[in-house]
All heavy atoms as atom14 arrays in JSON, in Angstrom:
{
  "sequence": "NHTFIQLKLEDRDALLNLFREHRFDCVCHLAAQAGVRYSLTNPHA",
  "atom14_mask": [
    [1, 1, 1, 1, 1, 1, 1, 1, 0, 0, 0, 0, 0, 0],
    [1, 1, 1, 1, 1, 1, 1, 1, 1, 1, 0, 0, 0, 0],
    [1, 1, 1, 1, 1, 1, 1, 0, 0, 0, 0, 0, 0, 0],
    [1, 1, 1, 1, 1, 1, 1, 1, 1, 1, 1, 0, 0, 0],
    [1, 1, 1, 1, 1, 1, 1, 1, 0, 0, 0, 0, 0, 0],
    [1, 1, 1, 1, 1, 1, 1, 1, 1, 0, 0, 0, 0, 0],
    [1, 1, 1, 1, 1, 1, 1, 1, 0, 0, 0, 0, 0, 0],
    [1, 1, 1, 1, 1, 1, 1, 1, 1, 0, 0, 0, 0, 0],
    [1, 1, 1, 1, 1, 1, 1, 1, 0, 0, 0, 0, 0, 0],
    [1, 1, 1, 1, 1, 1, 1, 1, 1, 0, 0, 0, 0, 0],
    [1, 1, 1, 1, 1, 1, 1, 1, 0, 0, 0, 0, 0, 0],
    [1, 1, 1, 1, 1, 1, 1, 1, 1, 1, 1, 0, 0, 0],
    [1, 1, 1, 1, 1, 1, 1, 1, 0, 0, 0, 0, 0, 0],
    [1, 1, 1, 1, 1, 0, 0, 0, 0, 0, 0, 0, 0, 0],
    [1, 1, 1, 1, 1, 1, 1, 1, 0, 0, 0, 0, 0, 0],
    [1, 1, 1, 1, 1, 1, 1, 1, 0, 0, 0, 0, 0, 0],
    [1, 1, 1, 1, 1, 1, 1, 1, 0, 0, 0, 0, 0, 0],
    [1, 1, 1, 1, 1, 1, 1, 1, 0, 0, 0, 0, 0, 0],
    [1, 1, 1, 1, 1, 1, 1, 1, 1, 1, 1, 0, 0, 0],
    [1, 1, 1, 1, 1, 1, 1, 1, 1, 1, 1, 0, 0, 0],
    [1, 1, 1, 1, 1, 1, 1, 1, 1, 0, 0, 0, 0, 0],
    [1, 1, 1, 1, 1, 1, 1, 1, 1, 1, 0, 0, 0, 0],
    [1, 1, 1, 1, 1, 1, 1, 1, 1, 1, 1, 0, 0, 0],
    [1, 1, 1, 1, 1, 1, 1, 1, 1, 1, 1, 0, 0, 0],
    [1, 1, 1, 1, 1, 1, 1, 1, 0, 0, 0, 0, 0, 0],
    [1, 1, 1, 1, 1, 1, 0, 0, 0, 0, 0, 0, 0, 0],
    [1, 1, 1, 1, 1, 1, 1, 0, 0, 0, 0, 0, 0, 0],
    [1, 1, 1, 1, 1, 1, 0, 0, 0, 0, 0, 0, 0, 0],
    [1, 1, 1, 1, 1, 1, 1, 1, 1, 1, 0, 0, 0, 0],
    [1, 1, 1, 1, 1, 1, 1, 1, 0, 0, 0, 0, 0, 0],
    [1, 1, 1, 1, 1, 0, 0, 0, 0, 0, 0, 0, 0, 0],
    [1, 1, 1, 1, 1, 0, 0, 0, 0, 0, 0, 0, 0, 0],
    [1, 1, 1, 1, 1, 1, 1, 1, 1, 0, 0, 0, 0, 0],
    [1, 1, 1, 1, 1, 0, 0, 0, 0, 0, 0, 0, 0, 0],
    [1, 1, 1, 1, 0, 0, 0, 0, 0, 0, 0, 0, 0, 0],
    [1, 1, 1, 1, 1, 1, 1, 0, 0, 0, 0, 0, 0, 0],
    [1, 1, 1, 1, 1, 1, 1, 1, 1, 1, 1, 0, 0, 0],
    [1, 1, 1, 1, 1, 1, 1, 1, 1, 1, 1, 1, 0, 0],
    [1, 1, 1, 1, 1, 1, 0, 0, 0, 0, 0, 0, 0, 0],
    [1, 1, 1, 1, 1, 1, 1, 1, 0, 0, 0, 0, 0, 0],
    [1, 1, 1, 1, 1, 1, 1, 0, 0, 0, 0, 0, 0, 0],
    [1, 1, 1, 1, 1, 1, 1, 1, 0, 0, 0, 0, 0, 0],
    [1, 1, 1, 1, 1, 1, 1, 0, 0, 0, 0, 0, 0, 0],
    [1, 1, 1, 1, 1, 1, 1, 1, 1, 1, 0, 0, 0, 0],
    [1, 1, 1, 1, 1, 0, 0, 0, 0, 0, 0, 0, 0, 0]
  ],
  "atom14_positions": [
    [[20.06, 0.66, 5.84], [19.24, 1.64, 5.12], [17.86, 1.08, 4.74], [17.24, 1.54, 3.79], [19.97, 2.13, 3.86], [20.43, 1.0, 2.96], [20.49, -0.16, 3.38], [20.76, 1.31, 1.72], [0.0, 0.0, 0.0], [0.0, 0.0, 0.0], [0.0, 0.0, 0.0], [0.0, 0.0, 0.0], [0.0, 0.0, 0.0], [0.0, 0.0, 0.0]],
    [[17.39, 0.08, 5.51], [16.09, -0.55, 5.18], [15.2, -0.64, 6.4], [15.61, -1.11, 7.47], [16.32, -1.95, 4.62], [15.05, -2.64, 4.19], [13.99, -1.98, 3.59], [14.66, -3.94, 4.29], [13.03, -2.84, 3.32], [13.4, -4.03, 3.75], [0.0, 0.0, 0.0], [0.0, 0.0, 0.0], [0.0, 0.0, 0.0], [0.0, 0.0, 0.0]],
    [[13.97, -0.16, 6.22], [12.93, -0.25, 7.25], [11.67, -0.82, 6.6], [11.37, -0.53, 5.44], [12.61, 1.14, 7.83], [13.81, 1.73, 8.33], [11.59, 1.05, 8.96], [0.0, 0.0, 0.0], [0.0, 0.0, 0.0], [0.0, 0.0, 0.0], [0.0, 0.0, 0.0], [0.0, 0.0, 0.0], [0.0, 0.0, 0.0], [0.0, 0.0, 0.0]],
    [[10.94, -1.62, 7.34], [9.68, -2.2, 6.85], [8.55, -1.84, 7.79], [8.74, -1.79, 9.01], [9.78, -3.72, 6.73], [8.46, -4.38, 6.39], [7.99, -4.38, 5.09], [7.68, -4.96, 7.38], [6.77, -4.96, 4.77], [6.46, -5.54, 7.08], [6.0, -5.54, 5.76], [0.0, 0.0, 0.0], [0.0, 0.0, 0.0], [0.0, 0.0, 0.0]],
    [[7.36, -1.6, 7.22], [6.18, -1.38, 8.04], [5.0, -2.14, 7.45], [4.76, -2.1, 6.24], [5.85, 0.13, 8.18], [4.67, 0.34, 9.13], [5.59, 0.76, 6.82], [4.51, 1.79, 9.58], [0.0, 0.0, 0.0], [0.0, 0.0, 0.0], [0.0, 0.0, 0.0], [0.0, 0.0, 0.0], [0.0, 0.0, 0.0], [0.0, 0.0, 0.0]],
    [[4.3, -2.89, 8.3], [3.08, -3.56, 7.87], [1.94, -2.56, 7.95], [1.65, -2.0, 9.01], [2.77, -4.77, 8.76], [1.53, -5.54, 8.3], [1.15, -6.67, 9.25], [1.6, -6.7, 10.39], [0.32, -7.6, 8.79], [0.0, 0.0, 0.0], [0.0, 0.0, 0.0], [0.0, 0.0, 0.0], [0.0, 0.0, 0.0], [0.0, 0.0, 0.0]],
    [[1.31, -2.32, 6.8], [0.28, -1.29, 6.73], [-0.66, -1.59, 5.56], [-0.2, -2.02, 4.5], [0.92, 0.09, 6.52], [0.15, 1.32, 7.01], [-0.02, 1.29, 8.53], [0.93, 2.58, 6.61], [0.0, 0.0, 0.0], [0.0, 0.0, 0.0], [0.0, 0.0, 0.0], [0.0, 0.0, 0.0], [0.0, 0.0, 0.0], [0.0, 0.0, 0.0]],
    [[-1.93, -1.36, 5.75], [-2.89, -1.5, 4.66], [-2.96, -0.19, 3.88], [-2.96, 0.89, 4.47], [-4.27, -1.85, 5.2], [-4.39, -3.23, 5.82], [-5.82, -3.49, 6.28], [-5.96, -4.89, 6.86], [-7.35, -5.16, 7.32], [0.0, 0.0, 0.0], [0.0, 0.0, 0.0], [0.0, 0.0, 0.0], [0.0, 0.0, 0.0], [0.0, 0.0, 0.0]],
    [[-3.08, -0.3, 2.57], [-3.2, 0.89, 1.74], [-4.48, 1.66, 2.07], [-4.54, 2.88, 1.88], [-3.21, 0.5, 0.26], [-1.93, -0.12, -0.3], [-2.17, -0.63, -1.71], [-0.79, 0.88, -0.28], [0.0, 0.0, 0.0], [0.0, 0.0, 0.0], [0.0, 0.0, 0.0], [0.0, 0.0, 0.0], [0.0, 0.0, 0.0], [0.0, 0.0, 0.0]],
    [[-5.5, 0.97, 2.56], [-6.75, 1.63, 2.89], [-6.67, 2.44, 4.18], [-7.58, 3.22, 4.48], [-7.87, 0.59, 3.04], [-8.06, -0.32, 1.83], [-7.29, -1.62, 1.95], [-6.05, -1.57, 2.0], [-7.94, -2.69, 2.0], [0.0, 0.0, 0.0], [0.0, 0.0, 0.0], [0.0, 0.0, 0.0], [0.0, 0.0, 0.0], [0.0, 0.0, 0.0]],
    [[-5.59, 2.27, 4.94], [-5.41, 2.97, 6.21], [-4.88, 4.37, 5.92], [-3.69, 4.66, 6.06], [-4.43, 2.17, 7.09], [-4.48, 2.59, 8.55], [-4.93, 3.71, 8.83], [-4.04, 1.79, 9.4], [0.0, 0.0, 0.0], [0.0, 0.0, 0.0], [0.0, 0.0, 0.0], [0.0, 0.0, 0.0], [0.0, 0.0, 0.0], [0.0, 0.0, 0.0]],
    [[-5.79, 5.26, 5.55], [-5.42, 6.57, 5.0], [-4.6, 7.42, 5.97], [-3.56, 7.98, 5.61], [-6.68, 7.33, 4.59], [-6.42, 8.71, 4.01], [-7.67, 9.29, 3.41], [-8.74, 9.4, 4.41], [-9.98, 9.81, 4.13], [-10.3, 10.11, 2.87], [-10.89, 9.9, 5.07], [0.0, 0.0, 0.0], [0.0, 0.0, 0.0], [0.0, 0.0, 0.0]],
    [[-5.05, 7.53, 7.21], [-4.35, 8.39, 8.17], [-2.94, 7.88, 8.45], [-1.99, 8.67, 8.52], [-5.15, 8.48, 9.47], [-6.44, 9.26, 9.29], [-6.55, 10.03, 8.32], [-7.36, 9.09, 10.13], [0.0, 0.0, 0.0], [0.0, 0.0, 0.0], [0.0, 0.0, 0.0], [0.0, 0.0, 0.0], [0.0, 0.0, 0.0], [0.0, 0.0, 0.0]],
    [[-2.81, 6.57, 8.62], [-1.48, 6.01, 8.89], [-0.55, 6.2, 7.71], [0.64, 6.47, 7.87], [-1.61, 4.52, 9.23], [0.0, 0.0, 0.0], [0.0, 0.0, 0.0], [0.0, 0.0, 0.0], [0.0, 0.0, 0.0], [0.0, 0.0, 0.0], [0.0, 0.0, 0.0], [0.0, 0.0, 0.0], [0.0, 0.0, 0.0], [0.0, 0.0, 0.0]],
    [[-1.1, 6.08, 6.49], [-0.28, 6.28, 5.29], [0.19, 7.73, 5.19], [1.36, 8.0, 4.89], [-1.1, 5.89, 4.05], [-0.33, 5.72, 2.74], [0.66, 4.56, 2.84], [-1.31, 5.47, 1.58], [0.0, 0.0, 0.0], [0.0, 0.0, 0.0], [0.0, 0.0, 0.0], [0.0, 0.0, 0.0], [0.0, 0.0, 0.0], [0.0, 0.0, 0.0]],
    [[-0.7, 8.68, 5.44], [-0.32, 10.09, 5.42], [0.75, 10.39, 6.46], [1.7, 11.14, 6.2], [-1.55, 10.97, 5.66], [-2.48, 11.17, 4.46], [-3.77, 11.85, 4.9], [-1.79, 12.0, 3.37], [0.0, 0.0, 0.0], [0.0, 0.0, 0.0], [0.0, 0.0, 0.0], [0.0, 0.0, 0.0], [0.0, 0.0, 0.0], [0.0, 0.0, 0.0]],
    [[0.61, 9.8, 7.64], [1.62, 10.01, 8.69], [2.98, 9.46, 8.26], [4.02, 10.06, 8.55], [1.17, 9.35, 9.99], [0.04, 10.11, 10.66], [-0.12, 11.31, 10.45], [-0.75, 9.41, 11.47], [0.0, 0.0, 0.0], [0.0, 0.0, 0.0], [0.0, 0.0, 0.0], [0.0, 0.0, 0.0], [0.0, 0.0, 0.0], [0.0, 0.0, 0.0]],
    [[2.97, 8.32, 7.56], [4.22, 7.73, 7.08], [4.91, 8.68, 6.09], [6.12, 8.89, 6.17], [3.93, 6.39, 6.41], [5.15, 5.6, 5.93], [5.92, 5.02, 7.11], [4.72, 4.46, 4.99], [0.0, 0.0, 0.0], [0.0, 0.0, 0.0], [0.0, 0.0, 0.0], [0.0, 0.0, 0.0], [0.0, 0.0, 0.0], [0.0, 0.0, 0.0]],
    [[4.14, 9.26, 5.18], [4.7, 10.2, 4.22], [5.22, 11.46, 4.91], [6.29, 11.98, 4.55], [3.64, 10.58, 3.18], [3.58, 9.66, 1.99], [3.06, 8.37, 2.1], [4.05, 10.07, 0.75], [3.0, 7.52, 1.0], [4.0, 9.23, -0.36], [3.47, 7.96, -0.24], [0.0, 0.0, 0.0], [0.0, 0.0, 0.0], [0.0, 0.0, 0.0]],
    [[4.49, 11.97, 5.89], [4.93, 13.17, 6.6], [6.24, 12.91, 7.35], [7.12, 13.77, 7.39], [3.86, 13.61, 7.6], [2.59, 14.16, 6.97], [1.71, 14.81, 8.02], [0.37, 15.05, 7.51], [-0.69, 14.33, 7.83], [-0.58, 13.31, 8.68], [-1.87, 14.61, 7.32], [0.0, 0.0, 0.0], [0.0, 0.0, 0.0], [0.0, 0.0, 0.0]],
    [[6.34, 11.73, 7.93], [7.54, 11.4, 8.72], [8.78, 11.24, 7.85], [9.86, 11.73, 8.21], [7.29, 10.11, 9.51], [8.5, 9.64, 10.31], [8.28, 8.3, 10.98], [7.13, 7.79, 10.96], [9.26, 7.75, 11.52], [0.0, 0.0, 0.0], [0.0, 0.0, 0.0], [0.0, 0.0, 0.0], [0.0, 0.0, 0.0], [0.0, 0.0, 0.0]],
    [[8.64, 10.61, 6.69], [9.83, 10.22, 5.93], [10.19, 11.16, 4.79], [11.35, 11.18, 4.35], [9.64, 8.8, 5.37], [9.78, 7.74, 6.41], [11.0, 7.27, 6.83], [8.83, 7.06, 7.1], [10.8, 6.33, 7.76], [9.5, 6.18, 7.93], [0.0, 0.0, 0.0], [0.0, 0.0, 0.0], [0.0, 0.0, 0.0], [0.0, 0.0, 0.0]],
    [[9.25, 11.93, 4.26], [9.55, 12.84, 3.16], [10.29, 12.11, 2.04], [11.45, 12.4, 1.73], [10.37, 14.04, 3.65], [9.65, 14.86, 4.71], [8.42, 15.53, 4.15], [7.66, 16.25, 5.17], [6.53, 16.91, 4.94], [6.02, 16.91, 3.7], [5.89, 17.51, 5.92], [0.0, 0.0, 0.0], [0.0, 0.0, 0.0], [0.0, 0.0, 0.0]],
    [[9.63, 11.18, 1.41], [10.24, 10.33, 0.38], [10.65, 11.15, -0.85], [9.97, 12.09, -1.25], [9.27, 9.24, -0.05], [8.85, 8.33, 1.06], [7.55, 8.35, 1.55], [9.76, 7.45, 1.64], [7.16, 7.51, 2.58], [9.38, 6.61, 2.67], [8.07, 6.63, 3.15], [0.0, 0.0, 0.0], [0.0, 0.0, 0.0], [0.0, 0.0, 0.0]],
    [[11.76, 10.74, -1.44], [12.15, 11.31, -2.73], [11.3, 10.73, -3.84], [10.85, 11.45, -4.74], [13.64, 11.03, -3.01], [14.55, 11.71, -2.02], [14.43, 12.93, -1.86], [15.38, 11.02, -1.4], [0.0, 0.0, 0.0], [0.0, 0.0, 0.0], [0.0, 0.0, 0.0], [0.0, 0.0, 0.0], [0.0, 0.0, 0.0], [0.0, 0.0, 0.0]],
    [[11.12, 9.41, -3.8], [10.35, 8.71, -4.83], [9.47, 7.65, -4.19], [9.78, 7.16, -3.08], [11.28, 8.03, -5.85], [12.27, 9.17, -6.84], [0.0, 0.0, 0.0], [0.0, 0.0, 0.0], [0.0, 0.0, 0.0], [0.0, 0.0, 0.0], [0.0, 0.0, 0.0], [0.0, 0.0, 0.0], [0.0, 0.0, 0.0], [0.0, 0.0, 0.0]],
    [[8.41, 7.28, -4.89], [7.54, 6.2, -4.47], [7.42, 5.23, -5.62], [7.16, 5.63, -6.76], [6.14, 6.71, -4.08], [5.21, 5.55, -3.76], [6.22, 7.68, -2.9], [0.0, 0.0, 0.0], [0.0, 0.0, 0.0], [0.0, 0.0, 0.0], [0.0, 0.0, 0.0], [0.0, 0.0, 0.0], [0.0, 0.0, 0.0], [0.0, 0.0, 0.0]],
    [[7.61, 3.94, -5.33], [7.33, 2.9, -6.32], [6.21, 2.03, -5.74], [6.43, 1.26, -4.8], [8.56, 2.05, -6.63], [8.28, 0.94, -8.02], [0.0, 0.0, 0.0], [0.0, 0.0, 0.0], [0.0, 0.0, 0.0], [0.0, 0.0, 0.0], [0.0, 0.0, 0.0], [0.0, 0.0, 0.0], [0.0, 0.0, 0.0], [0.0, 0.0, 0.0]],
    [[5.03, 2.21, -6.31], [3.82, 1.58, -5.75], [3.51, 0.29, -6.51], [2.97, 0.31, -7.61], [2.66, 2.57, -5.87], [1.35, 2.01, -5.41], [1.18, 1.43, -4.17], [0.15, 1.94, -6.04], [-0.07, 1.02, -4.05], [-0.72, 1.31, -5.17], [0.0, 0.0, 0.0], [0.0, 0.0, 0.0], [0.0, 0.0, 0.0], [0.0, 0.0, 0.0]],
    [[3.86, -0.83, -5.88], [3.64, -2.14, -6.48], [2.58, -2.96, -5.74], [2.12, -3.98, -6.25], [4.95, -2.94, -6.51], [6.12, -2.29, -7.27], [7.35, -3.19, -7.22], [5.74, -1.99, -8.7], [0.0, 0.0, 0.0], [0.0, 0.0, 0.0], [0.0, 0.0, 0.0], [0.0, 0.0, 0.0], [0.0, 0.0, 0.0], [0.0, 0.0, 0.0]],
    [[2.19, -2.53, -4.55], [1.2, -3.26, -3.77], [-0.16, -3.17, -4.45], [-0.58, -2.1, -4.89], [1.11, -2.7, -2.35], [0.0, 0.0, 0.0], [0.0, 0.0, 0.0], [0.0, 0.0, 0.0], [0.0, 0.0, 0.0], [0.0, 0.0, 0.0], [0.0, 0.0, 0.0], [0.0, 0.0, 0.0], [0.0, 0.0, 0.0], [0.0, 0.0, 0.0]],
    [[-0.84, -4.3, -4.55], [-2.17, -4.34, -5.17], [-2.77, -5.71, -4.94], [-2.04, -6.67, -4.64], [-2.08, -4.06, -6.67], [0.0, 0.0, 0.0], [0.0, 0.0, 0.0], [0.0, 0.0, 0.0], [0.0, 0.0, 0.0], [0.0, 0.0, 0.0], [0.0, 0.0, 0.0], [0.0, 0.0, 0.0], [0.0, 0.0, 0.0], [0.0, 0.0, 0.0]],
    [[-4.07, -5.8, -5.1], [-4.7, -7.12, -5.15], [-4.5, -7.66, -6.56], [-4.97, -7.07, -7.53], [-6.18, -7.04, -4.83], [-6.89, -8.37, -4.9], [-6.27, -9.42, -3.99], [-6.22, -9.24, -2.78], [-5.78, -10.51, -4.56], [0.0, 0.0, 0.0], [0.0, 0.0, 0.0], [0.0, 0.0, 0.0], [0.0, 0.0, 0.0], [0.0, 0.0, 0.0]],
    [[-3.75, -8.74, -6.66], [-3.39, -9.29, -7.97], [-4.33, -10.43, -8.35], [-5.15, -10.9, -7.55], [-1.95, -9.8, -7.93], [0.0, 0.0, 0.0], [0.0, 0.0, 0.0], [0.0, 0.0, 0.0], [0.0, 0.0, 0.0], [0.0, 0.0, 0.0], [0.0, 0.0, 0.0], [0.0, 0.0, 0.0], [0.0, 0.0, 0.0], [0.0, 0.0, 0.0]],
    [[-4.18, -10.88, -9.6], [-4.9, -12.07, -10.07], [-6.15, -11.76, -10.85], [-7.0, -10.99, -10.39], [0.0, 0.0, 0.0], [0.0, 0.0, 0.0], [0.0, 0.0, 0.0], [0.0, 0.0, 0.0], [0.0, 0.0, 0.0], [0.0, 0.0, 0.0], [0.0, 0.0, 0.0], [0.0, 0.0, 0.0], [0.0, 0.0, 0.0], [0.0, 0.0, 0.0]],
    [[-6.25, -12.34, -12.04], [-7.43, -12.14, -12.88], [-8.59, -13.01, -12.39], [-9.7, -12.54, -12.18], [-7.1, -12.46, -14.36], [-8.37, -12.54, -15.19], [-6.16, -11.41, -14.93], [0.0, 0.0, 0.0], [0.0, 0.0, 0.0], [0.0, 0.0, 0.0], [0.0, 0.0, 0.0], [0.0, 0.0, 0.0], [0.0, 0.0, 0.0], [0.0, 0.0, 0.0]],
    [[-8.35, -14.31, -12.19], [-9.45, -15.21, -11.84], [-10.02, -14.93, -10.46], [-11.23, -15.06, -10.23], [-8.97, -16.66, -11.94], [-8.67, -17.06, -13.39], [-8.04, -18.42, -13.56], [-7.55, -18.57, -14.93], [-6.4, -19.1, -15.25], [-5.6, -19.58, -14.32], [-6.03, -19.19, -16.51], [0.0, 0.0, 0.0], [0.0, 0.0, 0.0], [0.0, 0.0, 0.0]],
    [[-9.18, -14.5, -9.53], [-9.64, -14.17, -8.17], [-10.64, -13.01, -8.2], [-11.53, -12.93, -7.37], [-8.43, -13.83, -7.3], [-8.71, -13.66, -5.84], [-9.02, -14.76, -5.03], [-8.64, -12.41, -5.23], [-9.25, -14.6, -3.67], [-8.87, -12.25, -3.87], [-9.18, -13.34, -3.09], [-9.41, -13.19, -1.74], [0.0, 0.0, 0.0], [0.0, 0.0, 0.0]],
    [[-10.48, -12.13, -9.2], [-11.37, -10.95, -9.28], [-12.8, -11.34, -9.65], [-13.73, -10.56, -9.45], [-10.82, -9.93, -10.28], [-10.91, -10.4, -11.62], [0.0, 0.0, 0.0], [0.0, 0.0, 0.0], [0.0, 0.0, 0.0], [0.0, 0.0, 0.0], [0.0, 0.0, 0.0], [0.0, 0.0, 0.0], [0.0, 0.0, 0.0], [0.0, 0.0, 0.0]],
    [[-12.99, -12.55, -10.19], [-14.32, -13.01, -10.55], [-15.15, -13.36, -9.32], [-16.38, -13.27, -9.33], [-14.25, -14.23, -11.47], [-13.48, -14.04, -12.79], [-13.46, -15.35, -13.57], [-14.08, -12.93, -13.62], [0.0, 0.0, 0.0], [0.0, 0.0, 0.0], [0.0, 0.0, 0.0], [0.0, 0.0, 0.0], [0.0, 0.0, 0.0], [0.0, 0.0, 0.0]],
    [[-14.48, -13.76, -8.25], [-15.19, -14.21, -7.05], [-15.01, -13.28, -5.86], [-15.76, -13.36, -4.89], [-14.7, -15.62, -6.64], [-13.27, -15.61, -6.51], [-15.09, -16.65, -7.7], [0.0, 0.0, 0.0], [0.0, 0.0, 0.0], [0.0, 0.0, 0.0], [0.0, 0.0, 0.0], [0.0, 0.0, 0.0], [0.0, 0.0, 0.0], [0.0, 0.0, 0.0]],
    [[-14.01, -12.38, -5.91], [-13.74, -11.47, -4.8], [-13.56, -10.04, -5.3], [-12.5, -9.43, -5.08], [-12.49, -11.93, -4.03], [-12.68, -13.28, -3.38], [-13.18, -13.38, -2.27], [-12.28, -14.33, -4.08], [0.0, 0.0, 0.0], [0.0, 0.0, 0.0], [0.0, 0.0, 0.0], [0.0, 0.0, 0.0], [0.0, 0.0, 0.0], [0.0, 0.0, 0.0]],
    [[-14.58, -9.48, -5.97], [-14.4, -8.17, -6.61], [-14.09, -7.04, -5.65], [-13.33, -6.12, -5.98], [-15.73, -7.95, -7.33], [-16.72, -8.82, -6.62], [-15.94, -10.02, -6.19], [0.0, 0.0, 0.0], [0.0, 0.0, 0.0], [0.0, 0.0, 0.0], [0.0, 0.0, 0.0], [0.0, 0.0, 0.0], [0.0, 0.0, 0.0], [0.0, 0.0, 0.0]],
    [[-14.66, -7.08, -4.45], [-14.48, -5.96, -3.53], [-13.03, -5.8, -3.07], [-12.6, -4.69, -2.75], [-15.41, -6.1, -2.33], [-16.85, -5.92, -2.67], [-17.68, -6.98, -2.95], [-17.61, -4.81, -2.82], [-18.89, -6.54, -3.24], [-18.87, -5.22, -3.17], [0.0, 0.0, 0.0], [0.0, 0.0, 0.0], [0.0, 0.0, 0.0], [0.0, 0.0, 0.0]],
    [[-12.28, -6.9, -3.07], [-10.87, -6.81, -2.69], [-10.1, -5.9, -3.65], [-9.15, -5.21, -3.25], [-10.25, -8.2, -2.68], [0.0, 0.0, 0.0], [0.0, 0.0, 0.0], [0.0, 0.0, 0.0], [0.0, 0.0, 0.0], [0.0, 0.0, 0.0], [0.0, 0.0, 0.0], [0.0, 0.0, 0.0], [0.0, 0.0, 0.0], [0.0, 0.0, 0.0]]
  ]
}
């Protein structure tokens, strides 16, 4: 009951296609650029 897909959150069309295909009951969105100190030198990430 487990499938994985490598995908960037910025890839809007591919993300929409994933939602259309699977019709999720729930979404738990934990992916993010983490880290406080890294944000000082790499803000655009």
